[in-house]
């Protein structure tokens, strides 16, 4: 449903340990980028280690960022996913647009 293509920039909001960002790297190819954001720094550390182990650090970036403070313009990404984020926040409807 994300219609990911080679060269796209895709966001995984609430990426956790990189379970989905790492596989997404194959879809965006070497010219694309997958950015995973999560508020849990330990999850970011795990995700970064996985990216290193899988050899995709050239196109997968994980950052410790609160979902309320995303430092990108809305048109920066071709697609966005957030599968588990809303089950971990106190007021999930605050994230719905």
Protein backbone atom coordinates (compact mmCIF):
# COMPACT_ATOMS: atom_id res chain seq x y z
CA UNK A 1 0.00 0.00 0.00
CA UNK A 2 3.00 2.31 0.38
CA UNK A 3 3.86 1.98 -3.33
CA UNK A 4 7.57 1.99 -2.50
CA UNK A 5 9.89 2.36 -5.45
CA UNK A 6 13.61 2.45 -6.00
CA UNK A 7 14.93 5.89 -5.05
CA UNK A 8 12.11 6.72 -2.64
CA UNK A 9 12.52 8.20 0.83
CA UNK A 10 10.33 6.38 3.31
CA UNK A 11 9.64 6.98 6.99
CA UNK A 12 8.95 4.40 9.69
CA UNK A 13 7.56 6.32 12.67
CA UNK A 14 7.99 4.32 15.86
CA UNK A 15 10.52 2.03 14.18
CA UNK A 16 11.53 0.19 17.35
CA UNK A 17 14.43 -2.23 16.75
CA UNK A 18 14.35 -1.84 12.96
CA UNK A 19 12.25 -4.91 12.23
CA UNK A 20 10.72 -3.18 9.21
CA UNK A 21 13.29 -0.55 8.24
CA UNK A 22 15.92 -3.13 7.33
CA UNK A 23 13.70 -5.03 4.85
CA UNK A 24 12.43 -1.73 3.39
CA UNK A 25 16.01 -0.97 2.32
CA UNK A 26 15.79 -3.52 -0.48
CA UNK A 27 12.72 -1.78 -1.91
CA UNK A 28 14.21 1.72 -1.99
CA UNK A 29 17.51 0.48 -3.41
CA UNK A 30 20.91 2.10 -3.10
CA UNK A 31 19.60 5.51 -4.20
CA UNK A 32 16.71 5.52 -1.74
CA UNK A 33 16.53 6.07 1.97
CA UNK A 34 14.59 4.65 4.89
CA UNK A 35 14.47 6.71 8.06
CA UNK A 36 13.27 5.13 11.27
CA UNK A 37 12.32 7.36 14.19
CA UNK A 38 11.69 6.20 17.74
CA UNK A 39 11.60 7.80 21.17
CA UNK A 40 13.32 4.81 22.81
CA UNK A 41 17.08 5.25 22.47
CA UNK A 42 17.74 1.59 23.30
CA UNK A 43 15.56 0.56 20.35
CA UNK A 44 17.52 2.93 18.11
CA UNK A 45 20.79 1.35 19.28
CA UNK A 46 19.46 -2.12 18.41
CA UNK A 47 18.14 -0.92 15.05
CA UNK A 48 21.47 0.71 14.17
CA UNK A 49 23.33 -2.48 15.04
CA UNK A 50 20.98 -4.47 12.79
CA UNK A 51 21.54 -1.99 9.95
CA UNK A 52 25.30 -2.41 10.35
CA UNK A 53 25.01 -6.21 10.48
CA UNK A 54 22.86 -6.23 7.33
CA UNK A 55 25.10 -3.77 5.48
CA UNK A 56 22.39 -1.19 4.80
CA UNK A 57 23.72 1.84 6.68
CA UNK A 58 24.11 3.64 3.36
CA UNK A 59 20.32 3.83 3.02
CA UNK A 60 18.82 3.15 6.48
CA UNK A 61 19.04 5.74 9.25
CA UNK A 62 17.55 5.38 12.72
CA UNK A 63 17.14 8.46 14.90
CA UNK A 64 16.10 9.04 18.49
CA UNK A 65 13.25 11.51 18.01
CA UNK A 66 9.85 12.12 19.58
CA UNK A 67 7.00 11.73 17.09
CA UNK A 68 5.78 15.17 18.16
CA UNK A 69 8.97 16.77 16.86
CA UNK A 70 9.68 15.26 13.45
CA UNK A 71 12.42 17.42 11.88
CA UNK A 72 11.33 16.95 8.26
CA UNK A 73 8.92 18.83 6.03
CA UNK A 74 5.74 16.94 5.17
CA UNK A 75 6.81 16.53 1.55
CA UNK A 76 10.24 15.04 2.40
CA UNK A 77 9.02 11.43 2.26
CA UNK A 78 7.32 9.46 -0.47
CA UNK A 79 5.54 7.33 2.11
CA UNK A 80 5.22 6.82 5.83
CA UNK A 81 4.32 3.85 7.98
CA UNK A 82 3.57 3.53 11.65
CA UNK A 83 2.39 0.09 12.56
CA UNK A 84 2.84 -0.06 16.33
CA UNK A 85 3.32 3.52 17.48
CA UNK A 86 -0.24 4.25 18.53
CA UNK A 87 -0.41 1.35 20.97
CA UNK A 88 2.52 2.84 22.94
CA UNK A 89 1.43 6.45 23.38
CA UNK A 90 -0.81 7.86 26.09
CA UNK A 91 -3.10 9.84 23.76
CA UNK A 92 -3.06 8.05 20.39
CA UNK A 93 -5.69 10.25 18.72
CA UNK A 94 -3.31 13.22 19.11
CA UNK A 95 -1.21 11.72 16.29
CA UNK A 96 -4.06 11.34 13.81
CA UNK A 97 -4.25 13.91 11.08
